[in-house]
Amino acid sequence: MQIEHLADTRSVAVRCADIITQNMLAAIEERGQFTIAFSGGSTPLPLFQRLAEISLPWHKTQIFQVDERLAPQGDNNRNFTHLKEHLLDHITIDPSHIHPMPVIQLPEESMAADYEKLLITHAGQPPRLDLAHLGIGQDGHTASLIPQDPILNNAGSYVAMSGDYNGFKRLSLTYSALNNARRLLWQITGSDKKPVLGQLVSGETAIPAGRVVRDQAIIVTDIKTES
């Protein structure tokens, strides 16, 4: 696992955008397309804004989500709402290349299976994303792989539903999907994340994030850790 310490959140966003750009161009050169899954929350917003400023081959890119809350379309709790507002509304991309998680369809039981089929269609069987963009919570969760939730033990699916967490069920990529990505990019900012960042760097599997593979991972952070 690589780790890069930068001065502030803006520098982290710019560096993450550079890494995504490099991986995008390499994937398109090698395989003709780039597949990426973005995480949500507030941390990625400067990254989305930076990516929107760059001229990139979005027409050869397939955009997925790492996870999503079961909330109405356009709801401020939806990760896709912020992805759209800060990135998608500012780039030229075919709508068929944008794949929001189907969290408003019924029945709920089909949501994970339907998104898994879509992932396989564009990223192969087993699906192998070119890049999965990840964050981390203070409790050590990443994506919606939540402490003590049965989703942590779902090894047979690439997409699964979590139980209720902070008021919402969530659809999430599982370890099977994340650990098969060609590159994992961790964007971690804020001093409140220092303890859990230390756990991630040291490989503590007691936290959900610590069970994500390390070989193809890079952490970009503004948090100073012990050397």
Protein backbone atom coordinates (compact mmCIF):
# COMPACT_ATOMS: atom_id res chain seq x y z
CA MET A 1 0.00 0.00 0.00
CA GLN A 2 1.35 3.39 -1.03
CA ILE A 3 0.59 6.52 0.99
CA GLU A 4 1.05 10.14 -0.04
CA HIS A 5 0.81 12.98 2.50
CA LEU A 6 -0.17 16.35 1.06
CA ALA A 7 -0.73 19.78 2.56
CA ASP A 8 -4.50 20.21 2.40
CA THR A 9 -7.78 18.92 0.99
CA ARG A 10 -7.36 20.81 -2.29
CA SER A 11 -3.93 19.26 -2.88
CA VAL A 12 -5.39 15.83 -2.12
CA ALA A 13 -8.20 16.41 -4.62
CA VAL A 14 -5.79 17.53 -7.33
CA ARG A 15 -3.53 14.52 -6.76
CA CYS A 16 -6.48 12.10 -6.79
CA ALA A 17 -7.64 13.65 -10.06
CA ASP A 18 -4.15 13.13 -11.48
CA ILE A 19 -4.20 9.45 -10.46
CA ILE A 20 -7.63 8.94 -11.99
CA THR A 21 -6.49 10.65 -15.19
CA GLN A 22 -3.39 8.45 -15.45
CA ASN A 23 -5.39 5.28 -14.90
CA MET A 24 -8.10 6.40 -17.31
CA LEU A 25 -5.68 7.07 -20.15
CA ALA A 26 -3.79 3.82 -19.55
CA ALA A 27 -6.98 1.74 -19.44
CA ILE A 28 -8.31 3.28 -22.64
CA GLU A 29 -4.98 2.71 -24.35
CA GLU A 30 -4.89 -0.94 -23.24
CA ARG A 31 -8.55 -1.98 -23.28
CA GLY A 32 -10.51 0.73 -25.07
CA GLN A 33 -12.50 1.92 -22.06
CA PHE A 34 -12.18 2.97 -18.42
CA THR A 35 -14.46 1.75 -15.64
CA ILE A 36 -14.58 3.65 -12.36
CA ALA A 37 -16.73 3.52 -9.24
CA PHE A 38 -16.96 6.68 -7.12
CA SER A 39 -17.62 6.88 -3.40
CA GLY A 40 -19.89 9.46 -1.79
CA GLY A 41 -19.92 11.72 1.23
CA SER A 42 -18.40 15.18 1.47
CA THR A 43 -14.76 14.17 1.03
CA PRO A 44 -14.92 13.58 -2.76
CA LEU A 45 -16.59 16.91 -3.63
CA PRO A 46 -13.31 18.80 -4.29
CA LEU A 47 -12.21 15.85 -6.43
CA PHE A 48 -15.40 15.96 -8.48
CA GLN A 49 -14.94 19.68 -9.00
CA ARG A 50 -11.33 19.18 -10.08
CA LEU A 51 -12.25 16.43 -12.54
CA ALA A 52 -14.91 18.70 -14.01
CA GLU A 53 -12.19 21.24 -14.83
CA ILE A 54 -10.13 18.77 -16.87
CA SER A 55 -10.71 17.72 -20.46
CA LEU A 56 -10.91 13.91 -20.29
CA PRO A 57 -12.18 11.11 -22.56
CA TRP A 58 -15.45 10.61 -20.69
CA HIS A 59 -16.97 9.16 -23.87
CA LYS A 60 -14.84 6.07 -23.25
CA THR A 61 -15.60 5.92 -19.53
CA GLN A 62 -18.23 3.94 -17.63
CA ILE A 63 -19.12 5.52 -14.27
CA PHE A 64 -20.45 3.41 -11.38
CA GLN A 65 -21.14 4.03 -7.71
CA VAL A 66 -19.38 2.32 -4.82
CA ASP A 67 -22.45 2.64 -2.61
CA GLU A 68 -25.74 4.46 -2.23
CA ARG A 69 -28.46 5.11 0.33
CA LEU A 70 -32.01 3.97 -0.33
CA ALA A 71 -33.43 7.47 -0.68
CA PRO A 72 -35.56 9.25 -3.31
CA GLN A 73 -34.10 10.54 -6.55
CA GLY A 74 -32.54 13.98 -6.03
CA ASP A 75 -32.53 13.59 -2.26
CA ASN A 76 -29.61 15.34 -0.55
CA ASN A 77 -28.79 12.07 1.23
CA ARG A 78 -28.07 10.38 -2.09
CA ASN A 79 -24.43 10.12 -3.14
CA PHE A 80 -25.54 10.36 -6.76
CA THR A 81 -27.13 13.76 -6.13
CA HIS A 82 -23.71 15.21 -5.28
CA LEU A 83 -21.88 13.30 -8.02
CA LYS A 84 -24.30 14.75 -10.55
CA GLU A 85 -24.19 18.28 -9.17
CA HIS A 86 -20.41 18.53 -8.85
CA LEU A 87 -19.20 16.39 -11.77
CA LEU A 88 -21.70 14.88 -14.17
CA ASP A 89 -23.57 18.12 -14.91
CA HIS A 90 -20.27 19.69 -16.00
CA ILE A 91 -18.84 17.09 -18.39
CA THR A 92 -19.81 15.72 -21.77
CA ILE A 93 -20.73 12.08 -21.35
CA ASP A 94 -23.36 9.82 -22.87
CA PRO A 95 -26.07 9.14 -20.27
CA SER A 96 -25.76 5.44 -21.08
CA HIS A 97 -22.25 5.56 -19.57
CA ILE A 98 -23.58 6.70 -16.18
CA HIS A 99 -24.77 3.94 -13.88
CA PRO A 100 -26.47 5.12 -10.69
CA MET A 101 -27.36 2.42 -8.24
CA PRO A 102 -31.04 1.45 -8.65
CA VAL A 103 -32.12 2.34 -5.12
CA ILE A 104 -35.61 3.62 -5.93
CA GLN A 105 -36.91 0.57 -7.76
CA LEU A 106 -38.99 -2.19 -6.22
CA PRO A 107 -38.66 -4.84 -5.04
CA GLU A 108 -35.61 -4.15 -2.90
CA GLU A 109 -34.50 -7.75 -3.32
CA SER A 110 -33.69 -7.15 -7.00
CA MET A 111 -31.59 -4.01 -6.57
CA ALA A 112 -28.28 -5.71 -5.84
CA ALA A 113 -28.74 -8.40 -8.49
CA ASP A 114 -29.64 -5.84 -11.15
CA TYR A 115 -26.60 -3.68 -10.43
CA GLU A 116 -24.36 -6.72 -10.35
CA LYS A 117 -25.56 -7.68 -13.84
CA LEU A 118 -24.80 -4.16 -15.05
CA LEU A 119 -21.34 -4.27 -13.52
CA ILE A 120 -20.60 -7.59 -15.21
CA THR A 121 -21.84 -6.25 -18.55
CA HIS A 122 -19.29 -3.44 -18.54
CA ALA A 123 -16.45 -4.76 -16.36
CA GLY A 124 -16.42 -8.47 -17.18
CA GLN A 125 -17.09 -11.72 -15.33
CA PRO A 126 -15.87 -11.54 -12.65
CA PRO A 127 -16.16 -7.75 -12.82
CA ARG A 128 -12.84 -5.94 -12.67
CA LEU A 129 -13.13 -2.19 -12.31
CA ASP A 130 -10.17 -0.20 -13.53
CA LEU A 131 -10.40 2.00 -10.44
CA ALA A 132 -12.45 1.99 -7.26
CA HIS A 133 -12.42 5.27 -5.36
CA LEU A 134 -12.79 4.81 -1.61
CA GLY A 135 -13.18 6.81 1.57
CA ILE A 136 -13.29 5.79 5.20
CA GLY A 137 -15.55 6.58 8.15
CA GLN A 138 -14.47 7.18 11.72
CA ASP A 139 -15.85 3.73 12.59
CA GLY A 140 -13.67 2.10 9.94
CA HIS A 141 -16.35 1.48 7.33
CA THR A 142 -15.64 1.92 3.65
CA ALA A 143 -18.23 1.85 0.89
CA SER A 144 -21.24 0.64 2.92
CA LEU A 145 -19.27 -2.21 4.41
CA ILE A 146 -20.41 -1.45 7.93
CA PRO A 147 -19.05 -2.86 11.20
CA GLN A 148 -20.94 -5.96 12.39
CA ASP A 149 -23.31 -5.92 9.39
CA PRO A 150 -23.93 -9.25 7.59
CA ILE A 151 -22.82 -7.55 4.36
CA LEU A 152 -19.22 -8.03 5.52
CA ASN A 153 -19.55 -11.79 5.07
CA ASN A 154 -21.22 -11.69 1.66
CA ALA A 155 -18.55 -13.38 -0.42
CA GLY A 156 -20.88 -14.71 -3.08
CA SER A 157 -22.02 -11.40 -4.57
CA TYR A 158 -20.39 -8.33 -6.05
CA VAL A 159 -23.20 -6.03 -4.88
CA ALA A 160 -25.24 -6.40 -1.68
CA MET A 161 -27.68 -4.58 0.59
CA SER A 162 -26.66 -3.47 4.06
CA GLY A 163 -28.91 -3.26 7.07
CA ASP A 164 -30.01 0.09 8.46
CA TYR A 165 -27.11 2.44 9.13
CA ASN A 166 -27.70 6.01 10.30
CA GLY A 167 -31.28 5.82 9.12
CA PHE A 168 -30.80 4.21 5.71
CA LYS A 169 -30.34 0.83 4.14
CA ARG A 170 -27.57 1.00 1.57
CA LEU A 171 -26.55 -0.73 -1.63
CA SER A 172 -22.82 -1.38 -1.82
CA LEU A 173 -20.08 -3.05 -3.76
CA THR A 174 -18.75 -5.95 -1.70
CA TYR A 175 -15.20 -7.05 -0.98
CA SER A 176 -15.46 -9.40 -3.95
CA ALA A 177 -15.89 -6.41 -6.28
CA LEU A 178 -13.51 -4.00 -4.56
CA ASN A 179 -10.70 -6.49 -4.12
CA ASN A 180 -10.76 -7.34 -7.82
CA ALA A 181 -10.25 -3.73 -8.97
CA ARG A 182 -7.07 -2.97 -10.86
CA ARG A 183 -6.46 0.11 -8.70
CA LEU A 184 -7.86 1.26 -5.35
CA LEU A 185 -7.64 4.96 -4.60
CA TRP A 186 -8.27 6.03 -1.01
CA GLN A 187 -9.07 9.73 -0.55
CA ILE A 188 -8.88 10.47 3.19
CA THR A 189 -8.97 13.95 4.67
CA GLY A 190 -9.64 15.57 8.03
CA SER A 191 -7.87 15.24 11.37
CA ASP A 192 -10.83 13.32 12.80
CA LYS A 193 -9.84 10.41 10.55
CA LYS A 194 -6.31 10.12 11.97
CA PRO A 195 -6.97 7.17 14.33
CA VAL A 196 -8.76 5.09 11.72
CA LEU A 197 -6.21 5.99 9.04
CA GLY A 198 -3.55 4.56 11.33
CA GLN A 199 -5.56 1.34 11.60
CA LEU A 200 -5.93 1.15 7.82
CA VAL A 201 -2.23 1.74 7.17
CA SER A 202 -1.25 -0.91 9.72
CA GLY A 203 -3.62 -3.41 8.11
CA GLU A 204 -5.96 -3.95 11.05
CA THR A 205 -8.70 -6.27 9.81
CA ALA A 206 -10.84 -5.48 12.84
CA ILE A 207 -12.18 -2.53 10.85
CA PRO A 208 -14.06 -3.22 7.59
CA ALA A 209 -11.70 -1.01 5.58
CA GLY A 210 -8.77 -3.10 6.73
CA ARG A 211 -10.12 -6.10 4.82
CA VAL A 212 -9.74 -4.39 1.45
CA VAL A 213 -6.68 -5.64 -0.41
CA ARG A 214 -3.54 -3.53 -0.19
CA ASP A 215 -1.33 -4.47 -3.15
CA GLN A 216 -2.97 -2.19 -5.71
CA ALA A 217 -3.98 0.52 -3.23
CA ILE A 218 -2.80 4.10 -2.84
CA ILE A 219 -3.85 6.46 -0.04
CA VAL A 220 -3.80 10.20 -0.65
CA THR A 221 -4.32 12.17 2.55
CA ASP A 222 -3.74 15.47 4.33
CA ILE A 223 -3.36 13.69 7.67
CA LYS A 224 0.05 13.31 9.22
CA THR A 225 0.70 9.78 10.48
CA GLU A 226 3.52 8.38 12.56
CA SER A 227 6.53 7.40 10.46
